[in-house]
Amino acid sequence: MTTVEEAPAVRLAGLTRSFDGRTVLDHIDLDLPAGQFTALLGHSGSGKSTLLRAIAGLDHQVTGSGQLTAPERVSVVFQDSRLLPWRRVLDNVLLGTDGKEAAERGRAALAEVGLAGREKAWPNELSGGEAQRAALARSLVREPELLLADEPFGALDALTRIRMHALLRELWQRHRPSVLLVTHDVDEAIVLADRVLVLDRGRIGLDLTIERPHPRSYRDPLHGGPSLFERSRELGGEHRERLLTALGVTAHQEHAQHQEDHQ
C-alpha cells in the first residue's frame, strides 16, 4: 500500500539573498513539515532574521533567487510587540481584520494568553510580558498555518521569559501551526523546539532533532530549584554541547558569559 507524504509547510530550494553585494543566505535547501516546532540559532549577522523575513514575504527589496513555498496564512511576532499606541489592546489584536466573528476571535485569543478583561487597555498600560502576550493574541486571530517568531522574548526579564516559553508551547499544542522561532539562546531552543537549526555563514550548519519529552520547563529559581544555567544543562546534555560547538562556543566560554550577564 502506497502512502502519500504530506507536503511541507515551508520549502526552500536554492534560496539566496544578498545585501550590497554580500551573500547573506547561500543556496539554502530546507523543508519545514506541517505542525513542526523549529528553532533557528545563529550568531548576530548570520542571516536568521533575513531567512525569517524571506519566508514571511517581507523582503521585496532584497536581491535574491531560488524557490520558496509557504502557506497563505502566516503570522509574525517580533521582539518588539509593535502595538500601535493610539489603539486599544483589542483594536491592536484585530488590526487588519473586520467583522463580528473576528472580534469574537480577538477576545478569545486575549483570554487564551491571559489578557481577558484588558481589551480596552492602552498599550502603555501593559508590562513588557503583557505586550508580547497581546502580540501573540494578534497572531492567533489570523489562525495561522505558520507562525514566525523573531526573538520574541529577547527583551523580557528571565522569569517573564520562562512563563512566555510555557505559554508559547501551550498555544502551539492547541493550534498546531508550524513554528519557526529565531533565537540566539541555545537554552530557549532546547526547551521549546523539536528541531533546532544552526545558521552559519548563510548556510544550515547543523540540523538537530530534540527527542526529549515535553514539558521541558525550567524550575523557577525563586522556588529553590537549580539555577537557569544548571537546569538547562540537565535538559540539554549532548544536544546542548553539539549546538554550542556548531556556534563555535565552548561550554566554559558560555558559562563565563552567563555569569557575567547575571552579575
Protein backbone atom coordinates (compact mmCIF):
# COMPACT_ATOMS: atom_id res chain seq x y z
CA MET A 1 0.00 0.00 0.00
CA THR A 2 1.39 3.38 -1.01
CA THR A 3 1.29 6.25 1.49
CA VAL A 4 1.20 9.86 0.35
CA GLU A 5 3.63 12.12 2.19
CA GLU A 6 2.18 15.39 3.45
CA ALA A 7 3.67 18.40 1.71
CA PRO A 8 5.91 20.51 3.96
CA ALA A 9 4.53 23.79 5.26
CA VAL A 10 7.65 25.57 4.03
CA ARG A 11 10.02 24.51 1.28
CA LEU A 12 13.20 26.35 0.31
CA ALA A 13 15.22 25.30 -2.70
CA GLY A 14 18.46 27.10 -3.51
CA LEU A 15 17.33 30.19 -1.61
CA THR A 16 19.83 33.03 -1.90
CA ARG A 17 19.63 36.57 -0.54
CA SER A 18 22.21 39.36 -0.88
CA PHE A 19 22.69 42.86 0.54
CA ASP A 20 25.08 45.36 -1.06
CA GLY A 21 26.85 42.56 -2.91
CA ARG A 22 27.27 40.42 0.23
CA THR A 23 25.62 36.99 0.23
CA VAL A 24 23.60 36.56 3.43
CA LEU A 25 21.73 33.36 2.53
CA ASP A 26 23.68 30.96 0.34
CA HIS A 27 21.61 28.42 -1.65
CA ILE A 28 19.61 27.10 1.30
CA ASP A 29 17.59 23.90 0.84
CA LEU A 30 15.14 23.31 3.69
CA ASP A 31 11.77 21.69 4.37
CA LEU A 32 9.70 22.57 7.46
CA PRO A 33 6.99 19.92 7.99
CA ALA A 34 3.45 20.97 8.78
CA GLY A 35 2.91 21.34 12.53
CA GLN A 36 6.59 21.16 13.48
CA PHE A 37 8.13 23.47 16.11
CA THR A 38 11.55 24.50 14.79
CA ALA A 39 14.12 26.87 16.31
CA LEU A 40 16.76 28.70 14.29
CA LEU A 41 20.03 29.61 16.03
CA GLY A 42 22.95 31.64 14.78
CA HIS A 43 25.33 34.48 15.57
CA SER A 44 24.27 38.08 15.02
CA GLY A 45 24.51 38.77 11.31
CA SER A 46 24.28 35.10 10.35
CA GLY A 47 21.09 35.68 8.35
CA LYS A 48 18.47 34.40 10.82
CA SER A 49 16.15 37.38 10.51
CA THR A 50 16.78 37.58 6.77
CA LEU A 51 15.60 33.99 6.40
CA LEU A 52 12.52 34.64 8.51
CA ARG A 53 11.64 37.78 6.55
CA ALA A 54 12.07 35.90 3.28
CA ILE A 55 9.64 33.19 4.42
CA ALA A 56 7.22 35.90 5.63
CA GLY A 57 7.37 37.63 2.25
CA LEU A 58 8.76 40.83 3.77
CA ASP A 59 11.97 41.13 1.73
CA HIS A 60 10.70 42.51 -1.58
CA GLN A 61 13.58 44.99 -1.86
CA VAL A 62 16.28 42.35 -1.34
CA THR A 63 18.25 40.78 -4.19
CA GLY A 64 17.67 37.04 -4.27
CA SER A 65 16.95 33.85 -6.14
CA GLY A 66 15.74 30.31 -5.55
CA GLN A 67 12.35 28.79 -4.81
CA LEU A 68 10.27 29.44 -1.70
CA THR A 69 6.91 27.88 -0.86
CA ALA A 70 4.99 28.95 2.26
CA PRO A 71 1.37 28.81 3.46
CA GLU A 72 -1.10 31.59 2.74
CA ARG A 73 -1.87 32.25 6.41
CA VAL A 74 1.36 33.41 8.05
CA SER A 75 1.70 35.41 11.28
CA VAL A 76 4.87 37.10 12.55
CA VAL A 77 5.77 38.01 16.14
CA PHE A 78 8.77 40.32 16.62
CA GLN A 79 10.96 41.17 19.61
CA ASP A 80 9.08 44.47 19.84
CA SER A 81 5.35 43.85 20.27
CA ARG A 82 4.66 46.56 17.67
CA LEU A 83 1.39 47.56 19.28
CA LEU A 84 0.06 50.86 17.93
CA PRO A 85 -0.04 53.27 20.90
CA TRP A 86 -3.18 55.06 19.67
CA ARG A 87 -5.21 51.83 19.53
CA ARG A 88 -6.59 49.91 22.48
CA VAL A 89 -5.44 46.33 23.04
CA LEU A 90 -8.37 44.63 21.31
CA ASP A 91 -8.13 47.01 18.35
CA ASN A 92 -4.43 46.15 18.03
CA VAL A 93 -5.23 42.44 18.10
CA LEU A 94 -7.88 42.89 15.39
CA LEU A 95 -5.68 45.02 13.14
CA GLY A 96 -6.27 44.03 9.51
CA THR A 97 -9.44 42.07 10.28
CA ASP A 98 -13.09 43.07 10.49
CA GLY A 99 -16.49 41.68 11.34
CA LYS A 100 -18.19 40.25 14.39
CA GLU A 101 -16.53 36.84 14.01
CA ALA A 102 -13.07 38.41 14.01
CA ALA A 103 -13.93 40.40 17.15
CA GLU A 104 -15.02 37.21 18.88
CA ARG A 105 -11.77 35.51 17.86
CA GLY A 106 -9.86 38.51 19.19
CA ARG A 107 -11.49 38.32 22.61
CA ALA A 108 -10.97 34.56 22.71
CA ALA A 109 -7.30 34.99 21.77
CA LEU A 110 -6.77 37.57 24.53
CA ALA A 111 -8.36 35.17 27.02
CA GLU A 112 -6.06 32.38 25.78
CA VAL A 113 -2.96 34.44 26.51
CA GLY A 114 -4.20 35.57 29.92
CA LEU A 115 -5.39 39.07 28.98
CA ALA A 116 -9.14 38.67 29.44
CA GLY A 117 -10.53 41.96 30.73
CA ARG A 118 -7.69 44.02 29.20
CA GLU A 119 -9.42 44.58 25.85
CA LYS A 120 -9.84 48.33 26.43
CA ALA A 121 -6.41 48.94 27.95
CA TRP A 122 -3.91 51.15 26.14
CA PRO A 123 -0.54 49.62 25.14
CA ASN A 124 1.34 51.90 27.56
CA GLU A 125 -0.62 50.33 30.41
CA LEU A 126 0.82 46.88 29.67
CA SER A 127 4.03 45.37 31.02
CA GLY A 128 6.57 44.01 28.55
CA GLY A 129 5.30 40.48 29.05
CA GLU A 130 1.68 41.57 28.62
CA ALA A 131 2.54 43.42 25.41
CA GLN A 132 4.11 40.24 23.99
CA ARG A 133 1.02 38.29 25.06
CA ALA A 134 -1.08 40.76 23.09
CA ALA A 135 1.23 40.28 20.10
CA LEU A 136 0.72 36.51 20.35
CA ALA A 137 -3.04 37.04 20.54
CA ARG A 138 -2.86 39.15 17.37
CA SER A 139 -1.09 36.29 15.62
CA LEU A 140 -3.72 33.76 16.77
CA VAL A 141 -6.64 35.80 15.39
CA ARG A 142 -5.40 35.06 11.89
CA GLU A 143 -5.48 31.31 12.60
CA PRO A 144 -2.03 30.91 11.02
CA GLU A 145 -0.73 27.80 9.35
CA LEU A 146 2.77 29.16 10.01
CA LEU A 147 3.91 31.26 12.99
CA LEU A 148 7.23 33.06 12.60
CA ALA A 149 8.76 34.42 15.81
CA ASP A 150 11.82 36.67 15.61
CA GLU A 151 13.43 36.63 19.09
CA PRO A 152 10.05 37.48 20.67
CA PHE A 153 11.27 37.13 24.27
CA GLY A 154 14.70 38.71 23.96
CA ALA A 155 13.73 41.96 25.72
CA LEU A 156 11.96 40.28 28.66
CA ASP A 157 13.38 39.54 32.09
CA ALA A 158 14.35 35.94 32.88
CA LEU A 159 11.25 34.93 34.85
CA THR A 160 8.82 36.52 32.39
CA ARG A 161 10.67 34.76 29.58
CA ILE A 162 10.21 31.38 31.29
CA ARG A 163 6.46 32.00 31.59
CA MET A 164 6.26 33.06 27.95
CA HIS A 165 8.06 29.87 26.92
CA ALA A 166 5.34 27.82 28.60
CA LEU A 167 2.59 29.94 27.01
CA LEU A 168 4.02 29.66 23.50
CA ARG A 169 4.36 25.91 23.78
CA GLU A 170 0.77 25.60 25.09
CA LEU A 171 -0.56 27.71 22.22
CA TRP A 172 1.35 25.58 19.72
CA GLN A 173 -0.06 22.37 21.21
CA ARG A 174 -3.63 23.74 20.97
CA HIS A 175 -3.46 25.21 17.47
CA ARG A 176 -0.65 23.20 15.85
CA PRO A 177 0.70 25.72 13.36
CA SER A 178 4.19 25.20 12.03
CA VAL A 179 6.50 27.40 14.12
CA LEU A 180 9.87 28.87 13.21
CA LEU A 181 11.43 30.56 16.24
CA VAL A 182 14.51 32.69 15.61
CA THR A 183 16.67 32.93 18.72
CA HIS A 184 20.26 33.40 19.84
CA ASP A 185 19.57 31.44 23.05
CA VAL A 186 20.59 27.76 23.00
CA ASP A 187 18.59 27.02 26.15
CA GLU A 188 15.44 28.58 24.70
CA ALA A 189 15.79 26.46 21.58
CA ILE A 190 16.22 23.23 23.56
CA VAL A 191 13.31 23.96 25.91
CA LEU A 192 10.83 24.85 23.17
CA ALA A 193 11.67 23.18 19.89
CA ASP A 194 11.53 19.68 18.48
CA ARG A 195 14.10 20.56 15.84
CA VAL A 196 16.95 23.08 16.00
CA LEU A 197 18.78 24.53 13.01
CA VAL A 198 22.06 26.43 13.22
CA LEU A 199 22.65 29.02 10.51
CA ASP A 200 26.33 29.61 9.82
CA ARG A 201 27.59 32.00 7.14
CA GLY A 202 24.36 31.80 5.22
CA ARG A 203 24.02 28.02 5.28
CA ILE A 204 22.44 25.44 7.56
CA GLY A 205 25.43 24.19 9.55
CA LEU A 206 23.53 21.81 11.83
CA ASP A 207 20.06 20.23 11.73
CA LEU A 208 19.33 18.62 15.10
CA THR A 209 16.24 16.75 16.29
CA ILE A 210 15.43 17.16 20.01
CA GLU A 211 13.73 13.95 21.15
CA ARG A 212 13.20 14.78 24.81
CA PRO A 213 9.56 14.74 26.01
CA HIS A 214 7.67 17.87 26.97
CA PRO A 215 7.28 19.83 29.13
CA ARG A 216 10.93 20.85 29.41
CA SER A 217 10.30 23.94 31.54
CA TYR A 218 12.99 25.38 33.76
CA ARG A 219 12.43 25.28 37.51
CA ASP A 220 11.75 28.71 38.86
CA PRO A 221 14.94 29.84 40.70
CA LEU A 222 12.75 31.59 43.27
CA HIS A 223 11.32 28.23 44.32
CA GLY A 224 14.66 26.85 45.39
CA GLY A 225 15.42 24.84 42.24
CA PRO A 226 18.76 24.88 40.43
CA SER A 227 19.81 27.96 38.53
CA LEU A 228 18.61 28.58 34.99
CA PHE A 229 22.04 27.68 33.65
CA GLU A 230 22.35 24.47 35.68
CA ARG A 231 18.80 23.40 34.79
CA SER A 232 19.41 23.99 31.10
CA ARG A 233 22.44 21.72 31.23
CA GLU A 234 20.28 18.95 32.70
CA LEU A 235 17.78 19.46 29.87
CA GLY A 236 20.25 19.76 27.04
CA GLY A 237 23.10 17.36 27.69
CA GLU A 238 24.59 16.16 24.44
CA HIS A 239 22.22 18.33 22.36
CA ARG A 240 23.46 21.44 24.10
CA GLU A 241 27.11 20.63 23.55
CA ARG A 242 26.52 19.96 19.84
CA LEU A 243 24.71 23.27 19.41
CA LEU A 244 27.39 25.23 21.26
CA THR A 245 30.07 23.57 19.14
CA ALA A 246 28.19 24.42 15.94
CA LEU A 247 28.06 28.03 17.13
CA GLY A 248 31.79 28.00 17.87
CA VAL A 249 31.30 28.44 21.62
CA THR A 250 32.84 26.24 24.31
CA ALA A 251 30.84 25.37 27.43
CA HIS A 252 33.43 27.24 29.52
CA GLN A 253 33.04 30.41 27.45
CA GLU A 254 29.26 30.16 27.62
CA HIS A 255 29.31 29.66 31.39
CA ALA A 256 31.59 32.67 31.83
CA GLN A 257 29.27 34.81 29.70
CA HIS A 258 26.26 33.59 31.69
CA GLN A 259 27.91 34.58 34.98
CA GLU A 260 28.85 38.00 33.57
CA ASP A 261 25.27 38.59 32.35
CA HIS A 262 23.86 37.81 35.81
CA GLN A 263 26.25 39.82 37.98
